[in-house]
Amino acid sequence: MRCVIARFPFELTKSGVLESMKGVKPEAGTGESVTIGRRRYPVKQVGQVITGQDRRDFTAGEVVRAMTRLGFTCHTLSEAAPEPVLSPLQHASAMLGTPLPA
């Protein structure tokens, strides 16, 4: 599939992306992410690996559109890092700076 990322055309295939990401360890990310195989990668990391471009040269949206068109599952920022829900006791402990009870 032909797609344009940072004004450069790329011919991407699902198998090509899978092969490019093989052996790449997912970085810790707080933004949008994409599931490739059994791993969840930040979209900027995927974009850098598959295009060879600097992460500042493209947007996360460009990579998300390309990965979605190839059939990968993309996750938004709200899905990426859900906030833990604290009980009132845990919240009070956190405010006092003591360890949270398990």
Protein backbone atom coordinates (compact mmCIF):
# COMPACT_ATOMS: atom_id res chain seq x y z
CA MET A 1 0.00 0.00 0.00
CA ARG A 2 1.30 3.42 -0.88
CA CYS A 3 1.17 6.02 1.86
CA VAL A 4 2.75 9.41 2.43
CA ILE A 5 4.52 10.13 5.70
CA ALA A 6 6.24 13.50 6.14
CA ARG A 7 5.71 14.27 2.44
CA PHE A 8 7.61 11.14 1.36
CA PRO A 9 5.85 8.21 -0.35
CA PHE A 10 6.33 4.72 1.09
CA GLU A 11 5.18 1.31 -0.11
CA LEU A 12 4.15 -0.47 3.07
CA THR A 13 2.75 -3.94 3.58
CA LYS A 14 1.54 -5.58 6.75
CA SER A 15 4.15 -8.33 6.45
CA GLY A 16 6.86 -5.71 5.81
CA VAL A 17 5.93 -3.82 8.97
CA LEU A 18 5.88 -7.06 10.97
CA GLU A 19 9.34 -7.94 9.65
CA SER A 20 10.71 -4.44 10.36
CA MET A 21 9.45 -4.50 13.94
CA LYS A 22 10.69 -8.04 14.64
CA GLY A 23 13.22 -7.91 17.48
CA VAL A 24 12.47 -4.25 18.30
CA LYS A 25 11.74 -3.73 21.99
CA PRO A 26 8.77 -1.40 22.65
CA GLU A 27 9.72 1.84 24.35
CA ALA A 28 7.73 3.20 27.26
CA GLY A 29 5.18 5.54 25.78
CA THR A 30 2.46 7.80 27.05
CA GLY A 31 0.82 8.74 23.78
CA GLU A 32 -0.87 6.91 20.95
CA SER A 33 0.22 3.34 20.33
CA VAL A 34 -0.20 0.51 17.84
CA THR A 35 -0.36 -3.24 18.43
CA ILE A 36 2.02 -5.14 16.16
CA GLY A 37 2.10 -8.87 16.77
CA ARG A 38 1.69 -9.27 20.51
CA ARG A 39 3.44 -6.04 21.44
CA ARG A 40 2.21 -2.48 21.81
CA TYR A 41 4.54 0.18 20.40
CA PRO A 42 4.38 3.99 20.53
CA VAL A 43 3.40 5.18 17.04
CA LYS A 44 6.40 7.51 16.80
CA GLN A 45 8.76 4.56 17.40
CA VAL A 46 7.02 2.54 14.67
CA GLY A 47 7.19 5.48 12.27
CA GLN A 48 10.90 5.91 12.86
CA VAL A 49 11.64 2.21 12.32
CA ILE A 50 9.55 1.74 9.16
CA THR A 51 10.51 5.03 7.47
CA GLY A 52 14.03 5.64 8.75
CA GLN A 53 13.08 9.26 9.42
CA ASP A 54 13.57 11.34 12.53
CA ARG A 55 10.52 11.37 14.80
CA ARG A 56 10.26 15.15 14.51
CA ASP A 57 9.69 14.86 10.75
CA PHE A 58 6.23 13.24 10.93
CA THR A 59 3.13 13.32 13.08
CA ALA A 60 1.64 10.49 15.09
CA GLY A 61 -1.55 10.91 13.05
CA GLU A 62 0.24 10.08 9.80
CA VAL A 63 1.52 6.81 11.24
CA VAL A 64 -1.83 5.96 12.85
CA ARG A 65 -3.60 6.41 9.48
CA ALA A 66 -1.06 4.20 7.70
CA MET A 67 -1.15 1.47 10.37
CA THR A 68 -4.96 1.50 10.46
CA ARG A 69 -5.12 1.12 6.68
CA LEU A 70 -2.76 -1.86 6.94
CA GLY A 71 -5.06 -3.51 9.48
CA PHE A 72 -3.17 -2.91 12.73
CA THR A 73 -5.02 -1.91 15.89
CA CYS A 74 -4.21 1.62 17.03
CA HIS A 75 -4.90 2.96 20.51
CA THR A 76 -5.62 6.55 21.46
CA LEU A 77 -4.04 8.46 24.31
CA SER A 78 -6.94 7.69 26.66
CA GLU A 79 -6.54 3.94 26.03
CA ALA A 80 -2.76 4.08 26.38
CA ALA A 81 -2.45 4.74 30.11
CA PRO A 82 -5.58 4.39 32.21
CA GLU A 83 -5.46 6.18 35.56
CA PRO A 84 -5.67 3.87 38.57
CA VAL A 85 -8.72 4.42 40.76
CA LEU A 86 -7.74 4.85 44.39
CA SER A 87 -9.93 4.06 47.35
CA PRO A 88 -10.42 6.88 49.88
CA LEU A 89 -7.88 5.19 52.20
CA GLN A 90 -5.30 4.88 49.40
CA HIS A 91 -5.89 8.51 48.38
CA ALA A 92 -5.39 9.72 51.98
CA SER A 93 -2.21 7.63 52.31
CA ALA A 94 -0.84 9.05 49.08
CA MET A 95 -1.54 12.61 50.24
CA LEU A 96 0.31 11.94 53.52
CA GLY A 97 3.27 10.50 51.62
CA THR A 98 3.07 7.06 53.18
CA PRO A 99 3.14 3.84 51.16
CA LEU A 100 -0.17 2.80 49.64
CA PRO A 101 -1.84 -0.19 51.33
CA ALA A 102 -2.17 -3.17 49.03
